[in-house]
Amino acid sequence: AAILLVRPALFAGDYERAMRWVRR
């Protein structure tokens, strides 16, 4: 799920959204 949900936000440079997914 991290690969599917975090990576797109990370690649887009949206680090806060990526971190929210990691915490969830």
mmCIF file of all heavy atoms, coordinates in Angstrom:
data_MODEL
# 
_entry.id   MODEL 
# 
loop_
_atom_site.group_PDB 
_atom_site.id 
_atom_site.type_symbol 
_atom_site.label_atom_id 
_atom_site.label_alt_id 
_atom_site.label_comp_id 
_atom_site.label_asym_id 
_atom_site.label_entity_id 
_atom_site.label_seq_id 
_atom_site.pdbx_PDB_ins_code 
_atom_site.Cartn_x 
_atom_site.Cartn_y 
_atom_site.Cartn_z 
_atom_site.occupancy 
_atom_site.B_iso_or_equiv 
_atom_site.pdbx_formal_charge 
_atom_site.auth_seq_id 
_atom_site.auth_comp_id 
_atom_site.auth_asym_id 
_atom_site.auth_atom_id 
_atom_site.pdbx_PDB_model_num 
ATOM 1   N N   . ALA A 1 1  ? 0.837  -1.206 0.000  1.00 0.00 ? 1  ALA A N   1 
ATOM 2   C CA  . ALA A 1 1  ? 0.000  0.000  0.000  1.00 0.00 ? 1  ALA A CA  1 
ATOM 3   C C   . ALA A 1 1  ? 0.870  1.252  0.000  1.00 0.00 ? 1  ALA A C   1 
ATOM 4   O O   . ALA A 1 1  ? 0.531  2.259  -0.636 1.00 0.00 ? 1  ALA A O   1 
ATOM 5   C CB  . ALA A 1 1  ? -0.918 -0.003 1.223  1.00 0.00 ? 1  ALA A CB  1 
ATOM 6   N N   . ALA A 1 2  ? 2.004  1.182  0.701  1.00 0.00 ? 2  ALA A N   1 
ATOM 7   C CA  . ALA A 1 2  ? 2.915  2.331  0.722  1.00 0.00 ? 2  ALA A CA  1 
ATOM 8   C C   . ALA A 1 2  ? 3.436  2.634  -0.679 1.00 0.00 ? 2  ALA A C   1 
ATOM 9   O O   . ALA A 1 2  ? 3.531  3.795  -1.087 1.00 0.00 ? 2  ALA A O   1 
ATOM 10  C CB  . ALA A 1 2  ? 4.072  2.067  1.677  1.00 0.00 ? 2  ALA A CB  1 
ATOM 11  N N   . ILE A 1 3  ? 3.765  1.565  -1.424 1.00 0.00 ? 3  ILE A N   1 
ATOM 12  C CA  . ILE A 1 3  ? 4.254  1.758  -2.789 1.00 0.00 ? 3  ILE A CA  1 
ATOM 13  C C   . ILE A 1 3  ? 3.176  2.418  -3.645 1.00 0.00 ? 3  ILE A C   1 
ATOM 14  O O   . ILE A 1 3  ? 3.436  3.351  -4.409 1.00 0.00 ? 3  ILE A O   1 
ATOM 15  C CB  . ILE A 1 3  ? 4.677  0.412  -3.401 1.00 0.00 ? 3  ILE A CB  1 
ATOM 16  C CG1 . ILE A 1 3  ? 5.905  -0.125 -2.655 1.00 0.00 ? 3  ILE A CG1 1 
ATOM 17  C CG2 . ILE A 1 3  ? 4.977  0.549  -4.891 1.00 0.00 ? 3  ILE A CG2 1 
ATOM 18  C CD1 . ILE A 1 3  ? 6.298  -1.523 -3.064 1.00 0.00 ? 3  ILE A CD1 1 
ATOM 19  N N   . LEU A 1 4  ? 1.935  1.948  -3.488 1.00 0.00 ? 4  LEU A N   1 
ATOM 20  C CA  . LEU A 1 4  ? 0.843  2.441  -4.332 1.00 0.00 ? 4  LEU A CA  1 
ATOM 21  C C   . LEU A 1 4  ? 0.381  3.843  -3.945 1.00 0.00 ? 4  LEU A C   1 
ATOM 22  O O   . LEU A 1 4  ? -0.008 4.631  -4.807 1.00 0.00 ? 4  LEU A O   1 
ATOM 23  C CB  . LEU A 1 4  ? -0.342 1.473  -4.252 1.00 0.00 ? 4  LEU A CB  1 
ATOM 24  C CG  . LEU A 1 4  ? -0.101 0.068  -4.819 1.00 0.00 ? 4  LEU A CG  1 
ATOM 25  C CD1 . LEU A 1 4  ? -1.298 -0.832 -4.532 1.00 0.00 ? 4  LEU A CD1 1 
ATOM 26  C CD2 . LEU A 1 4  ? 0.151  0.147  -6.319 1.00 0.00 ? 4  LEU A CD2 1 
ATOM 27  N N   . LEU A 1 5  ? 0.418  4.161  -2.636 1.00 0.00 ? 5  LEU A N   1 
ATOM 28  C CA  . LEU A 1 5  ? -0.155 5.415  -2.161 1.00 0.00 ? 5  LEU A CA  1 
ATOM 29  C C   . LEU A 1 5  ? 0.882  6.508  -1.894 1.00 0.00 ? 5  LEU A C   1 
ATOM 30  O O   . LEU A 1 5  ? 0.624  7.680  -2.137 1.00 0.00 ? 5  LEU A O   1 
ATOM 31  C CB  . LEU A 1 5  ? -0.954 5.160  -0.874 1.00 0.00 ? 5  LEU A CB  1 
ATOM 32  C CG  . LEU A 1 5  ? -2.134 4.201  -1.021 1.00 0.00 ? 5  LEU A CG  1 
ATOM 33  C CD1 . LEU A 1 5  ? -2.716 3.865  0.338  1.00 0.00 ? 5  LEU A CD1 1 
ATOM 34  C CD2 . LEU A 1 5  ? -3.206 4.801  -1.925 1.00 0.00 ? 5  LEU A CD2 1 
ATOM 35  N N   . VAL A 1 6  ? 2.057  6.109  -1.369 1.00 0.00 ? 6  VAL A N   1 
ATOM 36  C CA  . VAL A 1 6  ? 3.063  7.098  -0.990 1.00 0.00 ? 6  VAL A CA  1 
ATOM 37  C C   . VAL A 1 6  ? 3.881  7.550  -2.191 1.00 0.00 ? 6  VAL A C   1 
ATOM 38  O O   . VAL A 1 6  ? 4.160  8.739  -2.352 1.00 0.00 ? 6  VAL A O   1 
ATOM 39  C CB  . VAL A 1 6  ? 3.992  6.531  0.111  1.00 0.00 ? 6  VAL A CB  1 
ATOM 40  C CG1 . VAL A 1 6  ? 5.096  7.520  0.444  1.00 0.00 ? 6  VAL A CG1 1 
ATOM 41  C CG2 . VAL A 1 6  ? 3.186  6.191  1.360  1.00 0.00 ? 6  VAL A CG2 1 
ATOM 42  N N   . ARG A 1 7  ? 4.262  6.604  -3.045 1.00 0.00 ? 7  ARG A N   1 
ATOM 43  C CA  . ARG A 1 7  ? 5.181  6.930  -4.141 1.00 0.00 ? 7  ARG A CA  1 
ATOM 44  C C   . ARG A 1 7  ? 4.663  8.026  -5.068 1.00 0.00 ? 7  ARG A C   1 
ATOM 45  O O   . ARG A 1 7  ? 5.415  8.932  -5.409 1.00 0.00 ? 7  ARG A O   1 
ATOM 46  C CB  . ARG A 1 7  ? 5.529  5.670  -4.929 1.00 0.00 ? 7  ARG A CB  1 
ATOM 47  C CG  . ARG A 1 7  ? 6.544  5.924  -6.034 1.00 0.00 ? 7  ARG A CG  1 
ATOM 48  C CD  . ARG A 1 7  ? 6.977  4.649  -6.711 1.00 0.00 ? 7  ARG A CD  1 
ATOM 49  N NE  . ARG A 1 7  ? 7.789  3.829  -5.835 1.00 0.00 ? 7  ARG A NE  1 
ATOM 50  C CZ  . ARG A 1 7  ? 8.332  2.682  -6.195 1.00 0.00 ? 7  ARG A CZ  1 
ATOM 51  N NH1 . ARG A 1 7  ? 8.128  2.215  -7.422 1.00 0.00 ? 7  ARG A NH1 1 
ATOM 52  N NH2 . ARG A 1 7  ? 9.080  1.997  -5.353 1.00 0.00 ? 7  ARG A NH2 1 
ATOM 53  N N   . PRO A 1 8  ? 3.382  8.004  -5.485 1.00 0.00 ? 8  PRO A N   1 
ATOM 54  C CA  . PRO A 1 8  ? 2.919  9.090  -6.365 1.00 0.00 ? 8  PRO A CA  1 
ATOM 55  C C   . PRO A 1 8  ? 3.061  10.473 -5.729 1.00 0.00 ? 8  PRO A C   1 
ATOM 56  O O   . PRO A 1 8  ? 3.464  11.432 -6.398 1.00 0.00 ? 8  PRO A O   1 
ATOM 57  C CB  . PRO A 1 8  ? 1.446  8.739  -6.618 1.00 0.00 ? 8  PRO A CB  1 
ATOM 58  C CG  . PRO A 1 8  ? 1.377  7.272  -6.412 1.00 0.00 ? 8  PRO A CG  1 
ATOM 59  C CD  . PRO A 1 8  ? 2.341  6.974  -5.309 1.00 0.00 ? 8  PRO A CD  1 
ATOM 60  N N   . ALA A 1 9  ? 2.740  10.568 -4.427 1.00 0.00 ? 9  ALA A N   1 
ATOM 61  C CA  . ALA A 1 9  ? 2.883  11.852 -3.741 1.00 0.00 ? 9  ALA A CA  1 
ATOM 62  C C   . ALA A 1 9  ? 4.348  12.251 -3.629 1.00 0.00 ? 9  ALA A C   1 
ATOM 63  O O   . ALA A 1 9  ? 4.708  13.419 -3.793 1.00 0.00 ? 9  ALA A O   1 
ATOM 64  C CB  . ALA A 1 9  ? 2.254  11.771 -2.345 1.00 0.00 ? 9  ALA A CB  1 
ATOM 65  N N   . LEU A 1 10 ? 5.201  11.265 -3.388 1.00 0.00 ? 10 LEU A N   1 
ATOM 66  C CA  . LEU A 1 10 ? 6.635  11.524 -3.264 1.00 0.00 ? 10 LEU A CA  1 
ATOM 67  C C   . LEU A 1 10 ? 7.207  12.000 -4.594 1.00 0.00 ? 10 LEU A C   1 
ATOM 68  O O   . LEU A 1 10 ? 7.976  12.961 -4.653 1.00 0.00 ? 10 LEU A O   1 
ATOM 69  C CB  . LEU A 1 10 ? 7.336  10.249 -2.804 1.00 0.00 ? 10 LEU A CB  1 
ATOM 70  C CG  . LEU A 1 10 ? 8.688  10.385 -2.102 1.00 0.00 ? 10 LEU A CG  1 
ATOM 71  C CD1 . LEU A 1 10 ? 8.571  11.248 -0.879 1.00 0.00 ? 10 LEU A CD1 1 
ATOM 72  C CD2 . LEU A 1 10 ? 9.208  9.013  -1.729 1.00 0.00 ? 10 LEU A CD2 1 
ATOM 73  N N   . PHE A 1 11 ? 6.829  11.348 -5.670 1.00 0.00 ? 11 PHE A N   1 
ATOM 74  C CA  . PHE A 1 11 ? 7.330  11.721 -6.986 1.00 0.00 ? 11 PHE A CA  1 
ATOM 75  C C   . PHE A 1 11 ? 6.839  13.108 -7.399 1.00 0.00 ? 11 PHE A C   1 
ATOM 76  O O   . PHE A 1 11 ? 7.521  13.823 -8.125 1.00 0.00 ? 11 PHE A O   1 
ATOM 77  C CB  . PHE A 1 11 ? 6.904  10.692 -8.025 1.00 0.00 ? 11 PHE A CB  1 
ATOM 78  C CG  . PHE A 1 11 ? 7.771  9.459  -8.046 1.00 0.00 ? 11 PHE A CG  1 
ATOM 79  C CD1 . PHE A 1 11 ? 8.524  9.093  -6.944 1.00 0.00 ? 11 PHE A CD1 1 
ATOM 80  C CD2 . PHE A 1 11 ? 7.829  8.647  -9.169 1.00 0.00 ? 11 PHE A CD2 1 
ATOM 81  C CE1 . PHE A 1 11 ? 9.318  7.967  -6.950 1.00 0.00 ? 11 PHE A CE1 1 
ATOM 82  C CE2 . PHE A 1 11 ? 8.629  7.506  -9.197 1.00 0.00 ? 11 PHE A CE2 1 
ATOM 83  C CZ  . PHE A 1 11 ? 9.375  7.175  -8.074 1.00 0.00 ? 11 PHE A CZ  1 
ATOM 84  N N   . ALA A 1 12 ? 5.638  13.467 -6.924 1.00 0.00 ? 12 ALA A N   1 
ATOM 85  C CA  . ALA A 1 12 ? 5.089  14.784 -7.255 1.00 0.00 ? 12 ALA A CA  1 
ATOM 86  C C   . ALA A 1 12 ? 5.670  15.895 -6.386 1.00 0.00 ? 12 ALA A C   1 
ATOM 87  O O   . ALA A 1 12 ? 5.385  17.078 -6.624 1.00 0.00 ? 12 ALA A O   1 
ATOM 88  C CB  . ALA A 1 12 ? 3.570  14.760 -7.116 1.00 0.00 ? 12 ALA A CB  1 
ATOM 89  N N   . GLY A 1 13 ? 6.459  15.524 -5.384 1.00 0.00 ? 13 GLY A N   1 
ATOM 90  C CA  . GLY A 1 13 ? 7.030  16.528 -4.488 1.00 0.00 ? 13 GLY A CA  1 
ATOM 91  C C   . GLY A 1 13 ? 6.083  16.975 -3.399 1.00 0.00 ? 13 GLY A C   1 
ATOM 92  O O   . GLY A 1 13 ? 6.329  17.979 -2.728 1.00 0.00 ? 13 GLY A O   1 
ATOM 93  N N   . ASP A 1 14 ? 4.989  16.234 -3.195 1.00 0.00 ? 14 ASP A N   1 
ATOM 94  C CA  . ASP A 1 14 ? 4.028  16.569 -2.131 1.00 0.00 ? 14 ASP A CA  1 
ATOM 95  C C   . ASP A 1 14 ? 4.409  15.757 -0.896 1.00 0.00 ? 14 ASP A C   1 
ATOM 96  O O   . ASP A 1 14 ? 3.829  14.710 -0.600 1.00 0.00 ? 14 ASP A O   1 
ATOM 97  C CB  . ASP A 1 14 ? 2.610  16.230 -2.594 1.00 0.00 ? 14 ASP A CB  1 
ATOM 98  C CG  . ASP A 1 14 ? 1.540  16.760 -1.646 1.00 0.00 ? 14 ASP A CG  1 
ATOM 99  O OD1 . ASP A 1 14 ? 1.899  17.165 -0.514 1.00 0.00 ? 14 ASP A OD1 1 
ATOM 100 O OD2 . ASP A 1 14 ? 0.354  16.773 -2.026 1.00 0.00 ? 14 ASP A OD2 1 
ATOM 101 N N   . TYR A 1 15 ? 5.395  16.251 -0.157 1.00 0.00 ? 15 TYR A N   1 
ATOM 102 C CA  . TYR A 1 15 ? 5.971  15.481 0.944  1.00 0.00 ? 15 TYR A CA  1 
ATOM 103 C C   . TYR A 1 15 ? 5.031  15.349 2.137  1.00 0.00 ? 15 TYR A C   1 
ATOM 104 O O   . TYR A 1 15 ? 5.059  14.335 2.836  1.00 0.00 ? 15 TYR A O   1 
ATOM 105 C CB  . TYR A 1 15 ? 7.295  16.111 1.361  1.00 0.00 ? 15 TYR A CB  1 
ATOM 106 C CG  . TYR A 1 15 ? 8.250  16.271 0.196  1.00 0.00 ? 15 TYR A CG  1 
ATOM 107 C CD1 . TYR A 1 15 ? 8.779  17.519 -0.148 1.00 0.00 ? 15 TYR A CD1 1 
ATOM 108 C CD2 . TYR A 1 15 ? 8.577  15.179 -0.601 1.00 0.00 ? 15 TYR A CD2 1 
ATOM 109 C CE1 . TYR A 1 15 ? 9.627  17.663 -1.235 1.00 0.00 ? 15 TYR A CE1 1 
ATOM 110 C CE2 . TYR A 1 15 ? 9.427  15.314 -1.692 1.00 0.00 ? 15 TYR A CE2 1 
ATOM 111 C CZ  . TYR A 1 15 ? 9.938  16.559 -2.007 1.00 0.00 ? 15 TYR A CZ  1 
ATOM 112 O OH  . TYR A 1 15 ? 10.761 16.698 -3.095 1.00 0.00 ? 15 TYR A OH  1 
ATOM 113 N N   . GLU A 1 16 ? 4.197  16.346 2.369  1.00 0.00 ? 16 GLU A N   1 
ATOM 114 C CA  . GLU A 1 16 ? 3.264  16.258 3.499  1.00 0.00 ? 16 GLU A CA  1 
ATOM 115 C C   . GLU A 1 16 ? 2.210  15.195 3.242  1.00 0.00 ? 16 GLU A C   1 
ATOM 116 O O   . GLU A 1 16 ? 1.860  14.431 4.146  1.00 0.00 ? 16 GLU A O   1 
ATOM 117 C CB  . GLU A 1 16 ? 2.613  17.625 3.744  1.00 0.00 ? 16 GLU A CB  1 
ATOM 118 C CG  . GLU A 1 16 ? 3.591  18.697 4.200  1.00 0.00 ? 16 GLU A CG  1 
ATOM 119 C CD  . GLU A 1 16 ? 4.444  18.245 5.380  1.00 0.00 ? 16 GLU A CD  1 
ATOM 120 O OE1 . GLU A 1 16 ? 3.870  17.693 6.347  1.00 0.00 ? 16 GLU A OE1 1 
ATOM 121 O OE2 . GLU A 1 16 ? 5.671  18.419 5.344  1.00 0.00 ? 16 GLU A OE2 1 
ATOM 122 N N   . ARG A 1 17 ? 1.699  15.118 2.017  1.00 0.00 ? 17 ARG A N   1 
ATOM 123 C CA  . ARG A 1 17 ? 0.721  14.078 1.703  1.00 0.00 ? 17 ARG A CA  1 
ATOM 124 C C   . ARG A 1 17 ? 1.368  12.706 1.805  1.00 0.00 ? 17 ARG A C   1 
ATOM 125 O O   . ARG A 1 17 ? 0.753  11.760 2.313  1.00 0.00 ? 17 ARG A O   1 
ATOM 126 C CB  . ARG A 1 17 ? 0.150  14.305 0.299  1.00 0.00 ? 17 ARG A CB  1 
ATOM 127 C CG  . ARG A 1 17 ? -0.873 13.253 -0.137 1.00 0.00 ? 17 ARG A CG  1 
ATOM 128 C CD  . ARG A 1 17 ? -1.740 13.769 -1.279 1.00 0.00 ? 17 ARG A CD  1 
ATOM 129 N NE  . ARG A 1 17 ? -0.976 14.058 -2.467 1.00 0.00 ? 17 ARG A NE  1 
ATOM 130 C CZ  . ARG A 1 17 ? -0.818 13.209 -3.476 1.00 0.00 ? 17 ARG A CZ  1 
ATOM 131 N NH1 . ARG A 1 17 ? -1.389 12.001 -3.432 1.00 0.00 ? 17 ARG A NH1 1 
ATOM 132 N NH2 . ARG A 1 17 ? -0.130 13.543 -4.553 1.00 0.00 ? 17 ARG A NH2 1 
ATOM 133 N N   . ALA A 1 18 ? 2.599  12.579 1.325  1.00 0.00 ? 18 ALA A N   1 
ATOM 134 C CA  . ALA A 1 18 ? 3.309  11.304 1.430  1.00 0.00 ? 18 ALA A CA  1 
ATOM 135 C C   . ALA A 1 18 ? 3.482  10.892 2.886  1.00 0.00 ? 18 ALA A C   1 
ATOM 136 O O   . ALA A 1 18 ? 3.283  9.722  3.244  1.00 0.00 ? 18 ALA A O   1 
ATOM 137 C CB  . ALA A 1 18 ? 4.669  11.417 0.746  1.00 0.00 ? 18 ALA A CB  1 
ATOM 138 N N   . MET A 1 19 ? 3.833  11.845 3.744  1.00 0.00 ? 19 MET A N   1 
ATOM 139 C CA  . MET A 1 19 ? 4.026  11.531 5.162  1.00 0.00 ? 19 MET A CA  1 
ATOM 140 C C   . MET A 1 19 ? 2.711  11.139 5.831  1.00 0.00 ? 19 MET A C   1 
ATOM 141 O O   . MET A 1 19 ? 2.689  10.239 6.687  1.00 0.00 ? 19 MET A O   1 
ATOM 142 C CB  . MET A 1 19 ? 4.646  12.732 5.881  1.00 0.00 ? 19 MET A CB  1 
ATOM 143 C CG  . MET A 1 19 ? 5.026  12.448 7.325  1.00 0.00 ? 19 MET A CG  1 
ATOM 144 S SD  . MET A 1 19 ? 6.296  11.156 7.457  1.00 0.00 ? 19 MET A SD  1 
ATOM 145 C CE  . MET A 1 19 ? 7.758  12.081 6.977  1.00 0.00 ? 19 MET A CE  1 
ATOM 146 N N   . ARG A 1 20 ? 1.618  11.765 5.439  1.00 0.00 ? 20 ARG A N   1 
ATOM 147 C CA  . ARG A 1 20 ? 0.323  11.388 6.023  1.00 0.00 ? 20 ARG A CA  1 
ATOM 148 C C   . ARG A 1 20 ? -0.009 9.932  5.713  1.00 0.00 ? 20 ARG A C   1 
ATOM 149 O O   . ARG A 1 20 ? -0.518 9.210  6.580  1.00 0.00 ? 20 ARG A O   1 
ATOM 150 C CB  . ARG A 1 20 ? -0.786 12.315 5.500  1.00 0.00 ? 20 ARG A CB  1 
ATOM 151 C CG  . ARG A 1 20 ? -0.787 13.705 6.123  1.00 0.00 ? 20 ARG A CG  1 
ATOM 152 C CD  . ARG A 1 20 ? -2.102 14.418 5.886  1.00 0.00 ? 20 ARG A CD  1 
ATOM 153 N NE  . ARG A 1 20 ? -2.374 14.636 4.472  1.00 0.00 ? 20 ARG A NE  1 
ATOM 154 C CZ  . ARG A 1 20 ? -1.967 15.709 3.781  1.00 0.00 ? 20 ARG A CZ  1 
ATOM 155 N NH1 . ARG A 1 20 ? -1.258 16.634 4.379  1.00 0.00 ? 20 ARG A NH1 1 
ATOM 156 N NH2 . ARG A 1 20 ? -2.279 15.838 2.508  1.00 0.00 ? 20 ARG A NH2 1 
ATOM 157 N N   . TRP A 1 21 ? 0.281  9.489  4.491  1.00 0.00 ? 21 TRP A N   1 
ATOM 158 C CA  . TRP A 1 21 ? 0.018  8.093  4.143  1.00 0.00 ? 21 TRP A CA  1 
ATOM 159 C C   . TRP A 1 21 ? 0.892  7.152  4.962  1.00 0.00 ? 21 TRP A C   1 
ATOM 160 O O   . TRP A 1 21 ? 0.425  6.092  5.424  1.00 0.00 ? 21 TRP A O   1 
ATOM 161 C CB  . TRP A 1 21 ? 0.258  7.872  2.649  1.00 0.00 ? 21 TRP A CB  1 
ATOM 162 C CG  . TRP A 1 21 ? -0.915 8.249  1.798  1.00 0.00 ? 21 TRP A CG  1 
ATOM 163 C CD1 . TRP A 1 21 ? -0.955 9.193  0.815  1.00 0.00 ? 21 TRP A CD1 1 
ATOM 164 C CD2 . TRP A 1 21 ? -2.233 7.676  1.846  1.00 0.00 ? 21 TRP A CD2 1 
ATOM 165 N NE1 . TRP A 1 21 ? -2.201 9.253  0.248  1.00 0.00 ? 21 TRP A NE1 1 
ATOM 166 C CE2 . TRP A 1 21 ? -3.009 8.323  0.866  1.00 0.00 ? 21 TRP A CE2 1 
ATOM 167 C CE3 . TRP A 1 21 ? -2.819 6.679  2.625  1.00 0.00 ? 21 TRP A CE3 1 
ATOM 168 C CZ2 . TRP A 1 21 ? -4.342 8.002  0.642  1.00 0.00 ? 21 TRP A CZ2 1 
ATOM 169 C CZ3 . TRP A 1 21 ? -4.156 6.357  2.410  1.00 0.00 ? 21 TRP A CZ3 1 
ATOM 170 C CH2 . TRP A 1 21 ? -4.905 7.018  1.429  1.00 0.00 ? 21 TRP A CH2 1 
ATOM 171 N N   . VAL A 1 22 ? 2.160  7.511  5.160  1.00 0.00 ? 22 VAL A N   1 
ATOM 172 C CA  . VAL A 1 22 ? 3.050  6.660  5.963  1.00 0.00 ? 22 VAL A CA  1 
ATOM 173 C C   . VAL A 1 22 ? 2.516  6.528  7.381  1.00 0.00 ? 22 VAL A C   1 
ATOM 174 O O   . VAL A 1 22 ? 2.479  5.429  7.955  1.00 0.00 ? 22 VAL A O   1 
ATOM 175 C CB  . VAL A 1 22 ? 4.481  7.231  5.978  1.00 0.00 ? 22 VAL A CB  1 
ATOM 176 C CG1 . VAL A 1 22 ? 5.339  6.531  7.029  1.00 0.00 ? 22 VAL A CG1 1 
ATOM 177 C CG2 . VAL A 1 22 ? 5.126  7.074  4.607  1.00 0.00 ? 22 VAL A CG2 1 
ATOM 178 N N   . ARG A 1 23 ? 2.100  7.632  7.975  1.00 0.00 ? 23 ARG A N   1 
ATOM 179 C CA  . ARG A 1 23 ? 1.593  7.605  9.349  1.00 0.00 ? 23 ARG A CA  1 
ATOM 180 C C   . ARG A 1 23 ? 0.300  6.773  9.443  1.00 0.00 ? 23 ARG A C   1 
ATOM 181 O O   . ARG A 1 23 ? 0.074  6.062  10.423 1.00 0.00 ? 23 ARG A O   1 
ATOM 182 C CB  . ARG A 1 23 ? 1.346  9.036  9.824  1.00 0.00 ? 23 ARG A CB  1 
ATOM 183 C CG  . ARG A 1 23 ? 2.633  9.875  9.896  1.00 0.00 ? 23 ARG A CG  1 
ATOM 184 C CD  . ARG A 1 23 ? 3.417  9.582  11.160 1.00 0.00 ? 23 ARG A CD  1 
ATOM 185 N NE  . ARG A 1 23 ? 4.771  10.071 11.097 1.00 0.00 ? 23 ARG A NE  1 
ATOM 186 C CZ  . ARG A 1 23 ? 5.149  11.349 11.267 1.00 0.00 ? 23 ARG A CZ  1 
ATOM 187 N NH1 . ARG A 1 23 ? 4.247  12.284 11.463 1.00 0.00 ? 23 ARG A NH1 1 
ATOM 188 N NH2 . ARG A 1 23 ? 6.423  11.673 11.213 1.00 0.00 ? 23 ARG A NH2 1 
ATOM 189 N N   . ARG A 1 24 ? -0.550 6.886  8.423  1.00 0.00 ? 24 ARG A N   1 
ATOM 190 C CA  . ARG A 1 24 ? -1.799 6.107  8.444  1.00 0.00 ? 24 ARG A CA  1 
ATOM 191 C C   . ARG A 1 24 ? -1.533 4.613  8.357  1.00 0.00 ? 24 ARG A C   1 
ATOM 192 O O   . ARG A 1 24 ? -2.233 3.800  8.980  1.00 0.00 ? 24 ARG A O   1 
ATOM 193 C CB  . ARG A 1 24 ? -2.696 6.537  7.279  1.00 0.00 ? 24 ARG A CB  1 
ATOM 194 C CG  . ARG A 1 24 ? -3.326 7.908  7.459  1.00 0.00 ? 24 ARG A CG  1 
ATOM 195 C CD  . ARG A 1 24 ? -3.950 8.382  6.158  1.00 0.00 ? 24 ARG A CD  1 
ATOM 196 N NE  . ARG A 1 24 ? -4.491 9.729  6.282  1.00 0.00 ? 24 ARG A NE  1 
ATOM 197 C CZ  . ARG A 1 24 ? -4.865 10.481 5.253  1.00 0.00 ? 24 ARG A CZ  1 
ATOM 198 N NH1 . ARG A 1 24 ? -4.743 10.000 4.015  1.00 0.00 ? 24 ARG A NH1 1 
ATOM 199 N NH2 . ARG A 1 24 ? -5.348 11.693 5.443  1.00 0.00 ? 24 ARG A NH2 1 
# 
